[in-house]
């Protein structure tokens, strides 16, 4: 097929408005969009959910049975319907071009491919006179079309014009374009995942061992270091009696009571009081006892951001107590 006369292409676009009546489909789509199960704006079809096993999440093979859900997608993003047939060499030229452009679009529009031999009624619905024919559908209605293969640059410009015209009306376009520019999320570290699972299940020993293994291999892993401090703290406080605070207040020389009381105060959100208790204890003890209290206090610091004001104040007080 030779390149179509632009006047005929324009005539095809105009004729579609009378040849296709998707009003009922659009009404059902409006109702479906209100259901909680409806996909969010710009969300791609679930991998593997595309009819016919399409090669990309932005390319779906459509049959008469699956045409309605695809049209419903046009309430969020434009759907470019490619009406094709296996016997047409021109269709064979056009399909790879549209697939590349759909993939590059990253979900700003959806390519819906229809084999007219298998689904002739869709072709009749659009009043198709030649193969291949491409129809843009938005808001449940056909809005533009062309027939025959065109140069890739020209098709890309046609799609860009569609997106520009519809961006303010179809929220999925802007959402997809924003996501396309976002950096891909980093894959989860399976070691951290295993450690977190053990922690959530209450297996503190396994969680501690997992985080220690990570830090042994990567001493600078800040996430593992912070998590290890949390695991150790949680394991300690689980068995503490809240009454230990009163015990520590009544027995200032009871070193273990002071350490336990500080932990309980952290749990009770009495952070500054907990820090000050241990700073005061550092001032009263010496040698190994002083090192023990200092190390316990530093471990509590690791439960908080480094720039936490309470931590900064306690660090200054600790330095003063030590020197």
Foldseek 3Di string as FASTA:
>chain_A
DDFDDVVVQVVLLVVQQVLADQPVLLVVLVVVCPDPPDDPALDFDDQPPAPPNDPDSQEHEDAPVRVSVQLSNLQAAKEKEWEAAPVDVQLVVAVVLVVVLSVVLQRNYHYYYYHCVRHVVVCSNRVDDDPTKIFIHHSRGTRGIGHTDDPSVVVNVVVVVVCVVCCVRRVNNVVRVVVVPDDDDDDDDVLQVVLVVCVVVVVLVVNLVSLVVVCVVPVPPLVSLLVNLVSVLVVVLVPDDQCLLVVCVVPVPPLVSLLNNLSSCVVVVVNLVSLVSLLVSLLVDDDPSNVVSVVSSVSVLSNDDPPDPSSVVSVVSNVVSVD
